[in-house]
Amino acid sequence: NSLAIMKDGQAVFTNLEKCYIYRYIFAKGIESQKKIN
């Protein structure tokens, strides 16, 4: 839900900006130093 724009109302630019910030964690992600199998 955090990776998509708001559901119940009209999304304005600030809503879009917030969505981008959540998406950047994945889209611009940095790999962890400690990996798991």
PDB file of all heavy atoms in Angstrom:
ATOM      1  N   ASN A   1       0.824  -1.217   0.000  1.00  0.00           N
ATOM      2  CA  ASN A   1       0.000   0.000   0.000  1.00  0.00           C
ATOM      3  C   ASN A   1       0.855   1.263   0.000  1.00  0.00           C
ATOM      4  O   ASN A   1       0.478   2.274  -0.594  1.00  0.00           O
ATOM      5  CB  ASN A   1      -0.930   0.011   1.217  1.00  0.00           C
ATOM      6  CG  ASN A   1      -2.056  -0.992   1.084  1.00  0.00           C
ATOM      7  OD1 ASN A   1      -2.399  -1.404  -0.024  1.00  0.00           O
ATOM      8  ND2 ASN A   1      -2.626  -1.415   2.205  1.00  0.00           N
ATOM      9  N   SER A   2       2.012   1.201   0.659  1.00  0.00           N
ATOM     10  CA  SER A   2       2.880   2.378   0.705  1.00  0.00           C
ATOM     11  C   SER A   2       3.509   2.680  -0.656  1.00  0.00           C
ATOM     12  O   SER A   2       3.950   3.802  -0.901  1.00  0.00           O
ATOM     13  CB  SER A   2       3.995   2.178   1.742  1.00  0.00           C
ATOM     14  OG  SER A   2       4.988   1.274   1.278  1.00  0.00           O
ATOM     15  N   LEU A   3       3.537   1.682  -1.540  1.00  0.00           N
ATOM     16  CA  LEU A   3       4.164   1.833  -2.858  1.00  0.00           C
ATOM     17  C   LEU A   3       3.173   2.250  -3.937  1.00  0.00           C
ATOM     18  O   LEU A   3       3.508   2.272  -5.121  1.00  0.00           O
ATOM     19  CB  LEU A   3       4.849   0.522  -3.260  1.00  0.00           C
ATOM     20  CG  LEU A   3       5.918   0.004  -2.280  1.00  0.00           C
ATOM     21  CD1 LEU A   3       6.456  -1.340  -2.741  1.00  0.00           C
ATOM     22  CD2 LEU A   3       7.048   1.008  -2.130  1.00  0.00           C
ATOM     23  N   ALA A   4       1.938   2.561  -3.525  1.00  0.00           N
ATOM     24  CA  ALA A   4       0.905   3.010  -4.462  1.00  0.00           C
ATOM     25  C   ALA A   4       0.300   4.304  -3.939  1.00  0.00           C
ATOM     26  O   ALA A   4       0.344   4.589  -2.738  1.00  0.00           O
ATOM     27  CB  ALA A   4      -0.169   1.942  -4.618  1.00  0.00           C
ATOM     28  N   ILE A   5      -0.283   5.100  -4.831  1.00  0.00           N
ATOM     29  CA  ILE A   5      -0.900   6.360  -4.406  1.00  0.00           C
ATOM     30  C   ILE A   5      -2.162   6.080  -3.607  1.00  0.00           C
ATOM     31  O   ILE A   5      -2.711   4.983  -3.647  1.00  0.00           O
ATOM     32  CB  ILE A   5      -1.203   7.283  -5.600  1.00  0.00           C
ATOM     33  CG1 ILE A   5      -2.112   6.591  -6.619  1.00  0.00           C
ATOM     34  CG2 ILE A   5       0.072   7.755  -6.252  1.00  0.00           C
ATOM     35  CD1 ILE A   5      -2.541   7.498  -7.754  1.00  0.00           C
ATOM     36  N   MET A   6      -2.626   7.073  -2.876  1.00  0.00           N
ATOM     37  CA  MET A   6      -3.775   6.914  -1.985  1.00  0.00           C
ATOM     38  C   MET A   6      -4.995   6.374  -2.726  1.00  0.00           C
ATOM     39  O   MET A   6      -5.177   6.607  -3.921  1.00  0.00           O
ATOM     40  CB  MET A   6      -4.107   8.249  -1.318  1.00  0.00           C
ATOM     41  CG  MET A   6      -4.485   9.360  -2.281  1.00  0.00           C
ATOM     42  SD  MET A   6      -4.740  10.949  -1.470  1.00  0.00           S
ATOM     43  CE  MET A   6      -6.163  10.610  -0.453  1.00  0.00           C
ATOM     44  N   LYS A   7      -5.825   5.621  -1.985  1.00  0.00           N
ATOM     45  CA  LYS A   7      -6.907   4.862  -2.598  1.00  0.00           C
ATOM     46  C   LYS A   7      -8.254   5.591  -2.607  1.00  0.00           C
ATOM     47  O   LYS A   7      -9.014   5.497  -3.560  1.00  0.00           O
ATOM     48  CB  LYS A   7      -7.089   3.532  -1.843  1.00  0.00           C
ATOM     49  CG  LYS A   7      -5.815   2.734  -1.640  1.00  0.00           C
ATOM     50  CD  LYS A   7      -5.337   2.115  -2.918  1.00  0.00           C
ATOM     51  CE  LYS A   7      -4.144   1.201  -2.687  1.00  0.00           C
ATOM     52  NZ  LYS A   7      -3.671   0.568  -3.906  1.00  0.00           N
ATOM     53  N   ASP A   8      -8.573   6.291  -1.521  1.00  0.00           N
ATOM     54  CA  ASP A   8      -9.940   6.775  -1.321  1.00  0.00           C
ATOM     55  C   ASP A   8     -10.222   8.177  -1.828  1.00  0.00           C
ATOM     56  O   ASP A   8     -11.367   8.578  -1.946  1.00  0.00           O
ATOM     57  CB  ASP A   8     -10.303   6.726   0.171  1.00  0.00           C
ATOM     58  CG  ASP A   8     -10.498   5.307   0.655  1.00  0.00           C
ATOM     59  OD1 ASP A   8     -10.840   4.459  -0.177  1.00  0.00           O
ATOM     60  OD2 ASP A   8     -10.291   5.053   1.845  1.00  0.00           O
ATOM     61  N   GLY A   9      -9.183   8.952  -2.090  1.00  0.00           N
ATOM     62  CA  GLY A   9      -9.401  10.332  -2.500  1.00  0.00           C
ATOM     63  C   GLY A   9      -8.583  10.681  -3.717  1.00  0.00           C
ATOM     64  O   GLY A   9      -7.870   9.851  -4.283  1.00  0.00           O
ATOM     65  N   GLN A  10      -8.684  11.938  -4.125  1.00  0.00           N
ATOM     66  CA  GLN A  10      -7.910  12.387  -5.277  1.00  0.00           C
ATOM     67  C   GLN A  10      -6.467  12.638  -4.864  1.00  0.00           C
ATOM     68  O   GLN A  10      -6.196  13.376  -3.923  1.00  0.00           O
ATOM     69  CB  GLN A  10      -8.517  13.669  -5.848  1.00  0.00           C
ATOM     70  CG  GLN A  10      -7.806  14.139  -7.114  1.00  0.00           C
ATOM     71  CD  GLN A  10      -8.488  15.343  -7.736  1.00  0.00           C
ATOM     72  OE1 GLN A  10      -9.523  15.782  -7.264  1.00  0.00           O
ATOM     73  NE2 GLN A  10      -7.906  15.872  -8.796  1.00  0.00           N
ATOM     74  N   ALA A  11      -5.530  12.012  -5.553  1.00  0.00           N
ATOM     75  CA  ALA A  11      -4.115  12.158  -5.238  1.00  0.00           C
ATOM     76  C   ALA A  11      -3.565  13.429  -5.864  1.00  0.00           C
ATOM     77  O   ALA A  11      -3.724  13.648  -7.070  1.00  0.00           O
ATOM     78  CB  ALA A  11      -3.342  10.939  -5.729  1.00  0.00           C
ATOM     79  N   VAL A  12      -2.919  14.280  -5.051  1.00  0.00           N
ATOM     80  CA  VAL A  12      -2.285  15.497  -5.548  1.00  0.00           C
ATOM     81  C   VAL A  12      -0.774  15.284  -5.528  1.00  0.00           C
ATOM     82  O   VAL A  12      -0.280  14.213  -5.172  1.00  0.00           O
ATOM     83  CB  VAL A  12      -2.686  16.717  -4.691  1.00  0.00           C
ATOM     84  CG1 VAL A  12      -4.183  16.977  -4.844  1.00  0.00           C
ATOM     85  CG2 VAL A  12      -2.337  16.503  -3.222  1.00  0.00           C
ATOM     86  N   PHE A  13      -0.012  16.308  -5.898  1.00  0.00           N
ATOM     87  CA  PHE A  13       1.426  16.138  -6.077  1.00  0.00           C
ATOM     88  C   PHE A  13       2.126  15.703  -4.783  1.00  0.00           C
ATOM     89  O   PHE A  13       3.066  14.914  -4.813  1.00  0.00           O
ATOM     90  CB  PHE A  13       2.053  17.425  -6.603  1.00  0.00           C
ATOM     91  CG  PHE A  13       3.483  17.249  -7.022  1.00  0.00           C
ATOM     92  CD1 PHE A  13       3.807  16.670  -8.240  1.00  0.00           C
ATOM     93  CD2 PHE A  13       4.518  17.636  -6.177  1.00  0.00           C
ATOM     94  CE1 PHE A  13       5.121  16.486  -8.621  1.00  0.00           C
ATOM     95  CE2 PHE A  13       5.837  17.455  -6.555  1.00  0.00           C
ATOM     96  CZ  PHE A  13       6.137  16.880  -7.781  1.00  0.00           C
ATOM     97  N   THR A  14       1.685  16.225  -3.646  1.00  0.00           N
ATOM     98  CA  THR A  14       2.320  15.842  -2.380  1.00  0.00           C
ATOM     99  C   THR A  14       2.115  14.355  -2.082  1.00  0.00           C
ATOM    100  O   THR A  14       2.995  13.712  -1.505  1.00  0.00           O
ATOM    101  CB  THR A  14       1.766  16.681  -1.211  1.00  0.00           C
ATOM    102  OG1 THR A  14       0.325  16.633  -1.233  1.00  0.00           O
ATOM    103  CG2 THR A  14       2.230  18.126  -1.312  1.00  0.00           C
ATOM    104  N   ASN A  15       0.962  13.806  -2.463  1.00  0.00           N
ATOM    105  CA  ASN A  15       0.732  12.370  -2.303  1.00  0.00           C
ATOM    106  C   ASN A  15       1.680  11.571  -3.188  1.00  0.00           C
ATOM    107  O   ASN A  15       2.196  10.522  -2.788  1.00  0.00           O
ATOM    108  CB  ASN A  15      -0.712  12.003  -2.647  1.00  0.00           C
ATOM    109  CG  ASN A  15      -1.740  12.739  -1.820  1.00  0.00           C
ATOM    110  OD1 ASN A  15      -2.554  13.492  -2.348  1.00  0.00           O
ATOM    111  ND2 ASN A  15      -1.705  12.541  -0.513  1.00  0.00           N
ATOM    112  N   LEU A  16       1.907  12.081  -4.391  1.00  0.00           N
ATOM    113  CA  LEU A  16       2.811  11.424  -5.324  1.00  0.00           C
ATOM    114  C   LEU A  16       4.235  11.445  -4.784  1.00  0.00           C
ATOM    115  O   LEU A  16       4.966  10.454  -4.861  1.00  0.00           O
ATOM    116  CB  LEU A  16       2.747  12.122  -6.681  1.00  0.00           C
ATOM    117  CG  LEU A  16       3.468  11.452  -7.851  1.00  0.00           C
ATOM    118  CD1 LEU A  16       2.893  10.079  -8.129  1.00  0.00           C
ATOM    119  CD2 LEU A  16       3.375  12.323  -9.093  1.00  0.00           C
ATOM    120  N   GLU A  17       4.645  12.589  -4.216  1.00  0.00           N
ATOM    121  CA  GLU A  17       5.985  12.701  -3.647  1.00  0.00           C
ATOM    122  C   GLU A  17       6.188  11.690  -2.518  1.00  0.00           C
ATOM    123  O   GLU A  17       7.223  11.024  -2.432  1.00  0.00           O
ATOM    124  CB  GLU A  17       6.223  14.117  -3.115  1.00  0.00           C
ATOM    125  CG  GLU A  17       7.651  14.315  -2.601  1.00  0.00           C
ATOM    126  CD  GLU A  17       7.739  15.337  -1.482  1.00  0.00           C
ATOM    127  OE1 GLU A  17       6.704  15.696  -0.911  1.00  0.00           O
ATOM    128  OE2 GLU A  17       8.859  15.747  -1.160  1.00  0.00           O
ATOM    129  N   LYS A  18       5.183  11.555  -1.664  1.00  0.00           N
ATOM    130  CA  LYS A  18       5.263  10.606  -0.554  1.00  0.00           C
ATOM    131  C   LYS A  18       5.408   9.184  -1.070  1.00  0.00           C
ATOM    132  O   LYS A  18       6.203   8.393  -0.546  1.00  0.00           O
ATOM    133  CB  LYS A  18       4.002  10.734   0.312  1.00  0.00           C
ATOM    134  CG  LYS A  18       4.008   9.848   1.546  1.00  0.00           C
ATOM    135  CD  LYS A  18       2.758  10.063   2.371  1.00  0.00           C
ATOM    136  CE  LYS A  18       2.759   9.161   3.606  1.00  0.00           C
ATOM    137  NZ  LYS A  18       1.521   9.347   4.416  1.00  0.00           N
ATOM    138  N   CYS A  19       4.659   8.857  -2.106  1.00  0.00           N
ATOM    139  CA  CYS A  19       4.727   7.528  -2.707  1.00  0.00           C
ATOM    140  C   CYS A  19       6.125   7.263  -3.267  1.00  0.00           C
ATOM    141  O   CYS A  19       6.679   6.164  -3.098  1.00  0.00           O
ATOM    142  CB  CYS A  19       3.672   7.406  -3.806  1.00  0.00           C
ATOM    143  SG  CYS A  19       3.643   5.799  -4.631  1.00  0.00           S
ATOM    144  N   TYR A  20       6.712   8.268  -3.917  1.00  0.00           N
ATOM    145  CA  TYR A  20       8.063   8.122  -4.468  1.00  0.00           C
ATOM    146  C   TYR A  20       9.083   7.834  -3.370  1.00  0.00           C
ATOM    147  O   TYR A  20       9.990   7.014  -3.540  1.00  0.00           O
ATOM    148  CB  TYR A  20       8.475   9.387  -5.219  1.00  0.00           C
ATOM    149  CG  TYR A  20       8.110   9.384  -6.678  1.00  0.00           C
ATOM    150  CD1 TYR A  20       7.304  10.377  -7.222  1.00  0.00           C
ATOM    151  CD2 TYR A  20       8.578   8.387  -7.524  1.00  0.00           C
ATOM    152  CE1 TYR A  20       6.962  10.381  -8.566  1.00  0.00           C
ATOM    153  CE2 TYR A  20       8.245   8.377  -8.868  1.00  0.00           C
ATOM    154  CZ  TYR A  20       7.438   9.374  -9.383  1.00  0.00           C
ATOM    155  OH  TYR A  20       7.110   9.357 -10.710  1.00  0.00           O
ATOM    156  N   ILE A  21       8.962   8.505  -2.245  1.00  0.00           N
ATOM    157  CA  ILE A  21       9.914   8.307  -1.151  1.00  0.00           C
ATOM    158  C   ILE A  21       9.890   6.856  -0.674  1.00  0.00           C
ATOM    159  O   ILE A  21      10.937   6.243  -0.435  1.00  0.00           O
ATOM    160  CB  ILE A  21       9.614   9.286   0.004  1.00  0.00           C
ATOM    161  CG1 ILE A  21       9.962  10.715  -0.435  1.00  0.00           C
ATOM    162  CG2 ILE A  21      10.413   8.915   1.254  1.00  0.00           C
ATOM    163  CD1 ILE A  21       9.494  11.776   0.526  1.00  0.00           C
ATOM    164  N   TYR A  22       8.698   6.289  -0.550  1.00  0.00           N
ATOM    165  CA  TYR A  22       8.592   4.875  -0.171  1.00  0.00           C
ATOM    166  C   TYR A  22       9.169   3.974  -1.262  1.00  0.00           C
ATOM    167  O   TYR A  22       9.792   2.943  -0.968  1.00  0.00           O
ATOM    168  CB  TYR A  22       7.133   4.505   0.089  1.00  0.00           C
ATOM    169  CG  TYR A  22       6.586   5.002   1.406  1.00  0.00           C
ATOM    170  CD1 TYR A  22       5.558   5.935   1.457  1.00  0.00           C
ATOM    171  CD2 TYR A  22       7.099   4.535   2.605  1.00  0.00           C
ATOM    172  CE1 TYR A  22       5.055   6.394   2.659  1.00  0.00           C
ATOM    173  CE2 TYR A  22       6.603   4.990   3.824  1.00  0.00           C
ATOM    174  CZ  TYR A  22       5.583   5.917   3.840  1.00  0.00           C
ATOM    175  OH  TYR A  22       5.092   6.369   5.037  1.00  0.00           O
ATOM    176  N   ARG A  23       8.952   4.342  -2.513  1.00  0.00           N
ATOM    177  CA  ARG A  23       9.442   3.517  -3.628  1.00  0.00           C
ATOM    178  C   ARG A  23      10.970   3.578  -3.756  1.00  0.00           C
ATOM    179  O   ARG A  23      11.595   2.595  -4.172  1.00  0.00           O
ATOM    180  CB  ARG A  23       8.803   3.979  -4.948  1.00  0.00           C
ATOM    181  CG  ARG A  23       7.406   3.429  -5.160  1.00  0.00           C
ATOM    182  CD  ARG A  23       6.773   3.899  -6.439  1.00  0.00           C
ATOM    183  NE  ARG A  23       5.695   2.968  -6.796  1.00  0.00           N
ATOM    184  CZ  ARG A  23       5.793   2.010  -7.705  1.00  0.00           C
ATOM    185  NH1 ARG A  23       6.908   1.860  -8.381  1.00  0.00           N
ATOM    186  NH2 ARG A  23       4.787   1.200  -7.942  1.00  0.00           N
ATOM    187  N   TYR A  24      11.563   4.710  -3.405  1.00  0.00           N
ATOM    188  CA  TYR A  24      13.015   4.844  -3.535  1.00  0.00           C
ATOM    189  C   TYR A  24      13.773   3.825  -2.695  1.00  0.00           C
ATOM    190  O   TYR A  24      14.891   3.439  -3.040  1.00  0.00           O
ATOM    191  CB  TYR A  24      13.463   6.262  -3.146  1.00  0.00           C
ATOM    192  CG  TYR A  24      13.128   7.329  -4.164  1.00  0.00           C
ATOM    193  CD1 TYR A  24      13.005   8.661  -3.791  1.00  0.00           C
ATOM    194  CD2 TYR A  24      12.941   7.010  -5.502  1.00  0.00           C
ATOM    195  CE1 TYR A  24      12.699   9.648  -4.719  1.00  0.00           C
ATOM    196  CE2 TYR A  24      12.630   7.987  -6.439  1.00  0.00           C
ATOM    197  CZ  TYR A  24      12.512   9.301  -6.042  1.00  0.00           C
ATOM    198  OH  TYR A  24      12.208  10.271  -6.968  1.00  0.00           O
ATOM    199  N   ILE A  25      13.189   3.399  -1.577  1.00  0.00           N
ATOM    200  CA  ILE A  25      13.837   2.395  -0.734  1.00  0.00           C
ATOM    201  C   ILE A  25      14.146   1.145  -1.549  1.00  0.00           C
ATOM    202  O   ILE A  25      15.179   0.499  -1.376  1.00  0.00           O
ATOM    203  CB  ILE A  25      12.942   2.042   0.468  1.00  0.00           C
ATOM    204  CG1 ILE A  25      12.712   3.280   1.346  1.00  0.00           C
ATOM    205  CG2 ILE A  25      13.550   0.912   1.295  1.00  0.00           C
ATOM    206  CD1 ILE A  25      13.984   3.898   1.874  1.00  0.00           C
ATOM    207  N   PHE A  26      13.238   0.804  -2.472  1.00  0.00           N
ATOM    208  CA  PHE A  26      13.424  -0.374  -3.321  1.00  0.00           C
ATOM    209  C   PHE A  26      14.097  -0.010  -4.645  1.00  0.00           C
ATOM    210  O   PHE A  26      15.044  -0.659  -5.069  1.00  0.00           O
ATOM    211  CB  PHE A  26      12.071  -1.037  -3.585  1.00  0.00           C
ATOM    212  CG  PHE A  26      11.422  -1.581  -2.347  1.00  0.00           C
ATOM    213  CD1 PHE A  26      10.535  -0.808  -1.602  1.00  0.00           C
ATOM    214  CD2 PHE A  26      11.703  -2.861  -1.910  1.00  0.00           C
ATOM    215  CE1 PHE A  26       9.949  -1.294  -0.457  1.00  0.00           C
ATOM    216  CE2 PHE A  26      11.117  -3.362  -0.760  1.00  0.00           C
ATOM    217  CZ  PHE A  26      10.245  -2.576  -0.034  1.00  0.00           C
ATOM    218  N   ALA A  27      13.593   1.024  -5.304  1.00  0.00           N
ATOM    219  CA  ALA A  27      14.073   1.370  -6.644  1.00  0.00           C
ATOM    220  C   ALA A  27      15.509   1.881  -6.638  1.00  0.00           C
ATOM    221  O   ALA A  27      16.239   1.704  -7.610  1.00  0.00           O
ATOM    222  CB  ALA A  27      13.147   2.423  -7.264  1.00  0.00           C
ATOM    223  N   LYS A  28      15.936   2.525  -5.552  1.00  0.00           N
ATOM    224  CA  LYS A  28      17.306   3.019  -5.423  1.00  0.00           C
ATOM    225  C   LYS A  28      18.016   2.303  -4.278  1.00  0.00           C
ATOM    226  O   LYS A  28      18.915   2.850  -3.639  1.00  0.00           O
ATOM    227  CB  LYS A  28      17.305   4.527  -5.169  1.00  0.00           C
ATOM    228  CG  LYS A  28      16.734   5.370  -6.310  1.00  0.00           C
ATOM    229  CD  LYS A  28      16.703   6.832  -5.918  1.00  0.00           C
ATOM    230  CE  LYS A  28      16.173   7.719  -7.042  1.00  0.00           C
ATOM    231  NZ  LYS A  28      17.161   7.967  -8.083  1.00  0.00           N
ATOM    232  N   GLY A  29      17.587   1.077  -4.000  1.00  0.00           N
ATOM    233  CA  GLY A  29      18.050   0.349  -2.825  1.00  0.00           C
ATOM    234  C   GLY A  29      19.547   0.068  -2.803  1.00  0.00           C
ATOM    235  O   GLY A  29      20.202  -0.040  -3.843  1.00  0.00           O
ATOM    236  N   ILE A  30      20.072  -0.067  -1.584  1.00  0.00           N
ATOM    237  CA  ILE A  30      21.467  -0.446  -1.360  1.00  0.00           C
ATOM    238  C   ILE A  30      21.467  -1.826  -0.710  1.00  0.00           C
ATOM    239  O   ILE A  30      20.726  -2.070   0.252  1.00  0.00           O
ATOM    240  CB  ILE A  30      22.176   0.574  -0.448  1.00  0.00           C
ATOM    241  CG1 ILE A  30      22.177   1.956  -1.112  1.00  0.00           C
ATOM    242  CG2 ILE A  30      23.606   0.131  -0.136  1.00  0.00           C
ATOM    243  CD1 ILE A  30      22.682   3.068  -0.211  1.00  0.00           C
ATOM    244  N   GLU A  31      22.275  -2.723  -1.226  1.00  0.00           N
ATOM    245  CA  GLU A  31      22.285  -4.091  -0.715  1.00  0.00           C
ATOM    246  C   GLU A  31      22.883  -4.146   0.688  1.00  0.00           C
ATOM    247  O   GLU A  31      23.825  -3.422   1.006  1.00  0.00           O
ATOM    248  CB  GLU A  31      23.057  -5.012  -1.661  1.00  0.00           C
ATOM    249  CG  GLU A  31      22.371  -5.181  -3.012  1.00  0.00           C
ATOM    250  CD  GLU A  31      22.979  -6.290  -3.860  1.00  0.00           C
ATOM    251  OE1 GLU A  31      23.916  -6.968  -3.378  1.00  0.00           O
ATOM    252  OE2 GLU A  31      22.512  -6.481  -5.002  1.00  0.00           O
ATOM    253  N   SER A  32      22.331  -5.032   1.517  1.00  0.00           N
ATOM    254  CA  SER A  32      22.816  -5.222   2.882  1.00  0.00           C
ATOM    255  C   SER A  32      24.197  -5.863   2.867  1.00  0.00           C
ATOM    256  O   SER A  32      24.517  -6.672   1.984  1.00  0.00           O
ATOM    257  CB  SER A  32      21.855  -6.118   3.664  1.00  0.00           C
ATOM    258  OG  SER A  32      20.559  -5.565   3.698  1.00  0.00           O
ATOM    259  N   GLN A  33      25.002  -5.515   3.853  1.00  0.00           N
ATOM    260  CA  GLN A  33      26.319  -6.137   3.970  1.00  0.00           C
ATOM    261  C   GLN A  33      26.196  -7.581   4.431  1.00  0.00           C
ATOM    262  O   GLN A  33      26.917  -8.458   3.957  1.00  0.00           O
ATOM    263  CB  GLN A  33      27.188  -5.334   4.937  1.00  0.00           C
ATOM    264  CG  GLN A  33      27.596  -3.963   4.398  1.00  0.00           C
ATOM    265  CD  GLN A  33      28.513  -3.221   5.353  1.00  0.00           C
ATOM    266  OE1 GLN A  33      28.565  -3.527   6.543  1.00  0.00           O
ATOM    267  NE2 GLN A  33      29.237  -2.239   4.829  1.00  0.00           N
ATOM    268  N   LYS A  34      25.292  -7.823   5.371  1.00  0.00           N
ATOM    269  CA  LYS A  34      25.087  -9.181   5.883  1.00  0.00           C
ATOM    270  C   LYS A  34      23.953  -9.839   5.095  1.00  0.00           C
ATOM    271  O   LYS A  34      22.791  -9.449   5.227  1.00  0.00           O
ATOM    272  CB  LYS A  34      24.751  -9.143   7.371  1.00  0.00           C
ATOM    273  CG  LYS A  34      25.911  -8.682   8.238  1.00  0.00           C
ATOM    274  CD  LYS A  34      25.546  -8.738   9.722  1.00  0.00           C
ATOM    275  CE  LYS A  34      26.725  -8.307  10.588  1.00  0.00           C
ATOM    276  NZ  LYS A  34      26.381  -8.347  12.043  1.00  0.00           N
ATOM    277  N   LYS A  35      24.297 -10.812   4.271  1.00  0.00           N
ATOM    278  CA  LYS A  35      23.316 -11.509   3.437  1.00  0.00           C
ATOM    279  C   LYS A  35      22.832 -12.779   4.140  1.00  0.00           C
ATOM    280  O   LYS A  35      23.519 -13.316   5.022  1.00  0.00           O
ATOM    281  CB  LYS A  35      23.931 -11.879   2.081  1.00  0.00           C
ATOM    282  CG  LYS A  35      24.476 -10.702   1.282  1.00  0.00           C
ATOM    283  CD  LYS A  35      23.345  -9.864   0.722  1.00  0.00           C
ATOM    284  CE  LYS A  35      23.861  -8.670  -0.075  1.00  0.00           C
ATOM    285  NZ  LYS A  35      24.579  -9.045  -1.279  1.00  0.00           N
ATOM    286  N   ILE A  36      21.649 -13.241   3.759  1.00  0.00           N
ATOM    287  CA  ILE A  36      21.134 -14.518   4.246  1.00  0.00           C
ATOM    288  C   ILE A  36      21.033 -15.476   3.064  1.00  0.00           C
ATOM    289  O   ILE A  36      21.050 -15.063   1.903  1.00  0.00           O
ATOM    290  CB  ILE A  36      19.760 -14.368   4.932  1.00  0.00           C
ATOM    291  CG1 ILE A  36      18.685 -13.948   3.907  1.00  0.00           C
ATOM    292  CG2 ILE A  36      19.831 -13.385   6.091  1.00  0.00           C
ATOM    293  CD1 ILE A  36      17.266 -14.059   4.428  1.00  0.00           C
ATOM    294  N   ASN A  37      20.930 -16.752   3.358  1.00  0.00           N
ATOM    295  CA  ASN A  37      20.748 -17.766   2.331  1.00  0.00           C
ATOM    296  C   ASN A  37      19.278 -17.778   1.914  1.00  0.00           C
ATOM    297  O   ASN A  37      18.395 -17.988   2.749  1.00  0.00           O
ATOM    298  CB  ASN A  37      21.166 -19.134   2.878  1.00  0.00           C
ATOM    299  CG  ASN A  37      21.122 -20.216   1.808  1.00  0.00           C
ATOM    300  OD1 ASN A  37      20.957 -19.923   0.622  1.00  0.00           O
ATOM    301  ND2 ASN A  37      21.263 -21.456   2.220  1.00  0.00           N
TER     302      ASN A  37
END
